[in-house]
């Protein structure tokens, strides 16, 4: 009885292994055959515009996005170093700020 059960389990494992490796491909397609998500492929908008950035370009883009996210559209907040000189050009720069607007891209 146990030998028959063992033989049956071994046969089932071999059949599954053969199916998973496309041994029976014309009659039974393998689990990964064909398109996996055709709806996602159809929903892509301008995939040719996607580019991979180098690490340096990615860091620069991230820094620019953080700068833009931290500064409101009207300029830097008044409590930010260098904000007074950036907002009012006639004032001297704040100490240690050297007249640099923290919301503008650096050199």
N, C-alpha and C. Protein backbone atom coordinates (compact mmCIF):
# COMPACT_ATOMS: atom_id res chain seq x y z
N UNK A 1 0.81 -1.18 0.00
CA UNK A 1 0.00 0.00 0.00
C UNK A 1 0.87 1.27 0.00
N UNK A 2 1.88 1.32 0.87
CA UNK A 2 2.75 2.50 0.91
C UNK A 2 3.60 2.60 -0.35
N UNK A 3 3.98 1.45 -0.92
CA UNK A 3 4.77 1.48 -2.15
C UNK A 3 3.94 2.06 -3.29
N UNK A 4 2.67 1.71 -3.36
CA UNK A 4 1.80 2.25 -4.41
C UNK A 4 1.61 3.75 -4.22
N UNK A 5 1.44 4.19 -2.99
CA UNK A 5 1.30 5.61 -2.70
C UNK A 5 2.58 6.36 -3.06
N UNK A 6 3.73 5.80 -2.72
CA UNK A 6 5.01 6.43 -3.06
C UNK A 6 5.19 6.50 -4.57
N UNK A 7 4.84 5.43 -5.28
CA UNK A 7 4.96 5.43 -6.74
C UNK A 7 4.01 6.46 -7.36
N UNK A 8 2.81 6.59 -6.82
CA UNK A 8 1.84 7.56 -7.33
C UNK A 8 2.34 9.00 -7.09
N UNK A 9 2.89 9.26 -5.92
CA UNK A 9 3.43 10.59 -5.65
C UNK A 9 4.64 10.91 -6.52
N UNK A 10 5.49 9.92 -6.76
CA UNK A 10 6.64 10.13 -7.64
C UNK A 10 6.19 10.42 -9.06
N UNK A 11 5.18 9.69 -9.54
CA UNK A 11 4.65 9.93 -10.88
C UNK A 11 4.02 11.32 -10.97
N UNK A 12 3.27 11.72 -9.94
CA UNK A 12 2.67 13.05 -9.93
C UNK A 12 3.74 14.13 -9.96
N UNK A 13 4.82 13.96 -9.20
CA UNK A 13 5.91 14.93 -9.20
C UNK A 13 6.59 15.00 -10.56
N UNK A 14 6.81 13.88 -11.20
CA UNK A 14 7.41 13.87 -12.53
C UNK A 14 6.51 14.55 -13.55
N UNK A 15 5.21 14.30 -13.48
CA UNK A 15 4.28 14.95 -14.40
C UNK A 15 4.26 16.47 -14.18
N UNK A 16 4.25 16.89 -12.93
CA UNK A 16 4.27 18.32 -12.65
C UNK A 16 5.58 18.95 -13.14
N UNK A 17 6.69 18.29 -12.89
CA UNK A 17 7.99 18.80 -13.35
C UNK A 17 8.00 18.93 -14.87
N UNK A 18 7.48 17.93 -15.55
CA UNK A 18 7.42 17.99 -17.01
C UNK A 18 6.52 19.11 -17.51
N UNK A 19 5.38 19.31 -16.86
CA UNK A 19 4.48 20.40 -17.25
C UNK A 19 5.13 21.75 -17.00
N UNK A 20 5.79 21.93 -15.85
CA UNK A 20 6.42 23.21 -15.51
C UNK A 20 7.58 23.53 -16.43
N UNK A 21 8.24 22.52 -16.99
CA UNK A 21 9.37 22.74 -17.90
C UNK A 21 8.98 22.60 -19.36
N UNK A 22 7.67 22.64 -19.65
CA UNK A 22 7.12 22.66 -21.01
C UNK A 22 7.48 21.40 -21.80
N UNK A 23 7.52 20.25 -21.15
CA UNK A 23 7.74 19.01 -21.88
C UNK A 23 6.52 18.64 -22.70
N UNK A 24 5.35 19.06 -22.26
CA UNK A 24 4.10 18.74 -22.95
C UNK A 24 3.53 19.99 -23.61
N UNK A 25 4.40 20.84 -24.13
CA UNK A 25 4.04 22.17 -24.61
C UNK A 25 2.92 22.21 -25.65
N UNK A 26 2.92 21.43 -26.67
CA UNK A 26 1.83 21.61 -27.64
C UNK A 26 0.45 21.29 -27.03
N UNK A 27 0.37 20.26 -26.21
CA UNK A 27 -0.92 19.87 -25.65
C UNK A 27 -1.26 20.66 -24.39
N UNK A 28 -0.29 20.81 -23.49
CA UNK A 28 -0.50 21.54 -22.24
C UNK A 28 0.52 22.66 -22.14
N UNK A 29 0.11 23.90 -22.34
CA UNK A 29 1.09 25.00 -22.27
C UNK A 29 1.68 25.14 -20.87
N UNK A 30 2.92 25.57 -20.84
CA UNK A 30 3.64 25.77 -19.58
C UNK A 30 3.00 26.91 -18.80
N UNK A 31 3.22 26.96 -17.49
CA UNK A 31 2.56 28.00 -16.68
C UNK A 31 2.92 29.42 -17.06
N UNK A 32 4.10 29.68 -17.59
CA UNK A 32 4.50 31.04 -17.94
C UNK A 32 4.40 31.34 -19.42
N UNK A 33 3.72 30.51 -20.18
CA UNK A 33 3.65 30.70 -21.63
C UNK A 33 2.69 31.84 -21.97
N UNK A 34 3.02 32.60 -23.01
CA UNK A 34 2.16 33.67 -23.48
C UNK A 34 2.32 34.94 -22.68
N UNK A 35 1.46 35.90 -22.99
CA UNK A 35 1.49 37.18 -22.28
C UNK A 35 0.94 37.00 -20.88
N UNK A 36 1.61 37.58 -19.91
CA UNK A 36 1.17 37.44 -18.53
C UNK A 36 0.12 38.48 -18.18
N UNK A 37 0.32 39.73 -18.58
CA UNK A 37 -0.62 40.79 -18.23
C UNK A 37 -0.86 41.67 -19.47
N UNK A 38 -1.69 41.20 -20.39
CA UNK A 38 -1.90 41.99 -21.61
C UNK A 38 -2.57 43.33 -21.34
N UNK A 39 -3.35 43.45 -20.29
CA UNK A 39 -4.00 44.73 -19.99
C UNK A 39 -2.97 45.79 -19.62
N UNK A 40 -1.93 45.41 -18.90
CA UNK A 40 -0.88 46.38 -18.55
C UNK A 40 -0.09 46.80 -19.78
N UNK A 41 0.18 45.86 -20.68
CA UNK A 41 0.90 46.21 -21.90
C UNK A 41 0.08 47.19 -22.72
N UNK A 42 -1.23 46.99 -22.79
CA UNK A 42 -2.08 47.87 -23.58
C UNK A 42 -2.25 49.23 -22.93
N UNK A 43 -2.14 49.32 -21.60
CA UNK A 43 -2.36 50.57 -20.89
C UNK A 43 -1.13 51.47 -20.83
N UNK A 44 0.01 51.03 -21.31
CA UNK A 44 1.21 51.85 -21.24
C UNK A 44 1.06 53.08 -22.14
N UNK A 45 1.47 54.22 -21.62
CA UNK A 45 1.41 55.47 -22.36
C UNK A 45 2.83 55.91 -22.66
N UNK A 46 3.19 55.97 -23.92
CA UNK A 46 4.50 56.42 -24.39
C UNK A 46 5.66 55.71 -23.68
N UNK A 47 5.77 54.39 -23.78
CA UNK A 47 6.87 53.70 -23.10
C UNK A 47 8.25 54.06 -23.66
N UNK A 48 8.30 54.63 -24.86
CA UNK A 48 9.59 55.01 -25.42
C UNK A 48 10.20 56.22 -24.72
N UNK A 49 9.40 56.95 -23.94
CA UNK A 49 9.91 58.11 -23.21
C UNK A 49 10.56 57.76 -21.89
N UNK A 50 10.47 56.51 -21.48
CA UNK A 50 11.07 56.09 -20.22
C UNK A 50 12.58 55.94 -20.42
N UNK A 51 13.36 56.55 -19.55
CA UNK A 51 14.82 56.44 -19.64
C UNK A 51 15.39 56.04 -18.29
N UNK A 52 16.53 55.41 -18.33
CA UNK A 52 17.23 55.02 -17.11
C UNK A 52 18.31 56.07 -16.86
N UNK A 53 18.31 56.65 -15.66
CA UNK A 53 19.27 57.69 -15.33
C UNK A 53 20.52 57.10 -14.71
N UNK A 54 21.63 57.78 -14.92
CA UNK A 54 22.86 57.39 -14.24
C UNK A 54 22.72 57.78 -12.77
N UNK A 55 23.53 57.20 -11.89
CA UNK A 55 23.42 57.56 -10.47
C UNK A 55 23.59 59.06 -10.20
N UNK A 56 24.50 59.71 -10.92
CA UNK A 56 24.71 61.15 -10.71
C UNK A 56 23.49 61.94 -11.15
N UNK A 57 22.92 61.60 -12.29
CA UNK A 57 21.73 62.31 -12.78
C UNK A 57 20.54 62.05 -11.88
N UNK A 58 20.42 60.84 -11.36
CA UNK A 58 19.32 60.52 -10.45
C UNK A 58 19.45 61.32 -9.15
N UNK A 59 20.67 61.45 -8.63
CA UNK A 59 20.88 62.24 -7.41
C UNK A 59 20.54 63.70 -7.64
N UNK A 60 20.94 64.24 -8.79
CA UNK A 60 20.64 65.64 -9.10
C UNK A 60 19.14 65.85 -9.24
N UNK A 61 18.44 64.92 -9.88
CA UNK A 61 17.00 65.05 -10.04
C UNK A 61 16.29 64.95 -8.70
N UNK A 62 16.77 64.08 -7.83
CA UNK A 62 16.19 63.94 -6.50
C UNK A 62 16.40 65.21 -5.68
N UNK A 63 17.60 65.77 -5.74
CA UNK A 63 17.87 67.01 -5.00
C UNK A 63 17.00 68.15 -5.50
N UNK A 64 16.81 68.25 -6.82
CA UNK A 64 15.97 69.30 -7.38
C UNK A 64 14.51 69.11 -6.96
N UNK A 65 14.05 67.87 -6.93
CA UNK A 65 12.67 67.62 -6.51
C UNK A 65 12.48 67.93 -5.04
N UNK A 66 13.46 67.61 -4.20
CA UNK A 66 13.36 67.94 -2.78
C UNK A 66 13.37 69.44 -2.56
N UNK A 67 14.20 70.15 -3.33
CA UNK A 67 14.26 71.61 -3.22
C UNK A 67 12.91 72.21 -3.61
N UNK A 68 12.34 71.69 -4.68
CA UNK A 68 11.05 72.20 -5.15
C UNK A 68 9.95 71.88 -4.15
N UNK A 69 10.00 70.70 -3.54
CA UNK A 69 8.97 70.31 -2.57
C UNK A 69 9.07 71.12 -1.29
N UNK A 70 10.26 71.53 -0.90
CA UNK A 70 10.45 72.25 0.36
C UNK A 70 10.23 73.75 0.25
N UNK A 71 10.19 74.31 -0.94
CA UNK A 71 10.03 75.74 -1.12
C UNK A 71 8.67 76.04 -1.75
N UNK A 72 7.93 76.98 -1.16
CA UNK A 72 6.63 77.35 -1.74
C UNK A 72 6.83 78.14 -3.03
N UNK A 73 5.78 78.29 -3.83
CA UNK A 73 5.91 79.01 -5.11
C UNK A 73 6.33 80.46 -4.96
N UNK A 74 6.01 81.12 -3.83
CA UNK A 74 6.36 82.52 -3.65
C UNK A 74 7.79 82.76 -3.22
N UNK A 75 8.60 81.74 -3.09
CA UNK A 75 9.97 81.89 -2.64
C UNK A 75 10.20 81.15 -1.35
N UNK A 76 11.39 81.31 -0.78
CA UNK A 76 11.70 80.58 0.45
C UNK A 76 10.94 81.14 1.64
N UNK A 77 10.67 80.31 2.64
CA UNK A 77 10.03 80.82 3.85
C UNK A 77 10.96 81.78 4.58
N UNK A 78 10.43 82.75 5.31
CA UNK A 78 11.27 83.77 5.95
C UNK A 78 12.24 83.22 6.98
N UNK A 79 11.95 82.08 7.59
CA UNK A 79 12.85 81.56 8.62
C UNK A 79 13.97 80.70 8.04
N UNK A 80 14.04 80.55 6.72
CA UNK A 80 15.09 79.75 6.09
C UNK A 80 16.34 80.61 5.92
N UNK A 81 17.55 80.07 6.21
CA UNK A 81 18.76 80.88 6.06
C UNK A 81 18.90 81.42 4.65
N UNK A 82 19.18 82.71 4.54
CA UNK A 82 19.34 83.34 3.24
C UNK A 82 18.05 83.79 2.62
N UNK A 83 16.93 83.55 3.28
CA UNK A 83 15.64 83.90 2.71
C UNK A 83 15.43 85.41 2.65
N UNK A 84 15.88 86.13 3.67
CA UNK A 84 15.67 87.58 3.70
C UNK A 84 16.38 88.24 2.53
N UNK A 85 17.58 87.85 2.24
CA UNK A 85 18.31 88.47 1.14
C UNK A 85 17.74 88.05 -0.21
N UNK A 86 17.16 86.83 -0.27
CA UNK A 86 16.58 86.39 -1.53
C UNK A 86 15.24 87.09 -1.77
N UNK A 87 14.48 87.33 -0.68
CA UNK A 87 13.18 87.95 -0.83
C UNK A 87 13.28 89.46 -1.04
N UNK A 88 14.20 90.11 -0.33
CA UNK A 88 14.37 91.55 -0.44
C UNK A 88 15.81 91.86 -0.86
N UNK A 89 16.01 92.19 -2.12
CA UNK A 89 17.38 92.37 -2.63
C UNK A 89 18.17 93.48 -1.95
N UNK A 90 17.53 94.48 -1.32
CA UNK A 90 18.26 95.57 -0.70
C UNK A 90 18.88 95.22 0.63
N UNK A 91 18.46 94.12 1.26
CA UNK A 91 18.99 93.75 2.57
C UNK A 91 20.32 93.01 2.44
N UNK A 92 21.19 93.16 3.45
CA UNK A 92 22.43 92.39 3.41
C UNK A 92 22.12 90.90 3.64
N UNK A 93 22.99 90.02 3.18
CA UNK A 93 22.75 88.60 3.38
C UNK A 93 22.81 88.22 4.84
N UNK A 94 22.05 87.20 5.21
CA UNK A 94 22.07 86.70 6.58
C UNK A 94 23.42 86.08 6.85
N UNK A 95 23.77 86.01 8.15
CA UNK A 95 25.09 85.48 8.51
C UNK A 95 25.23 84.03 8.06
N UNK A 96 26.28 83.73 7.36
CA UNK A 96 26.57 82.38 6.89
C UNK A 96 25.81 81.98 5.65
N UNK A 97 24.88 82.81 5.19
CA UNK A 97 24.10 82.43 4.02
C UNK A 97 24.73 82.94 2.74
N UNK A 98 25.51 83.97 2.79
CA UNK A 98 26.20 84.54 1.64
C UNK A 98 25.25 84.94 0.53
N UNK A 99 24.00 85.31 0.87
CA UNK A 99 23.07 85.81 -0.12
C UNK A 99 22.56 84.74 -1.08
N UNK A 100 22.62 83.50 -0.71
CA UNK A 100 22.18 82.42 -1.59
C UNK A 100 20.74 82.10 -1.31
N UNK A 101 19.95 82.02 -2.35
CA UNK A 101 18.56 81.63 -2.20
C UNK A 101 18.50 80.11 -2.09
N UNK A 102 18.05 79.57 -0.95
CA UNK A 102 18.06 78.13 -0.77
C UNK A 102 17.07 77.40 -1.67
N UNK A 103 16.17 78.13 -2.30
CA UNK A 103 15.20 77.48 -3.19
C UNK A 103 15.67 77.45 -4.62
N UNK A 104 16.75 78.09 -4.93
CA UNK A 104 17.28 78.08 -6.29
C UNK A 104 18.35 77.00 -6.41
N UNK A 105 18.52 76.44 -7.61
CA UNK A 105 19.57 75.42 -7.78
C UNK A 105 20.94 76.01 -7.53
N UNK A 106 21.77 75.25 -6.89
CA UNK A 106 23.11 75.71 -6.56
C UNK A 106 24.05 75.61 -7.75
N UNK A 107 25.33 76.02 -7.53
CA UNK A 107 26.30 75.99 -8.61
C UNK A 107 26.69 74.58 -8.99
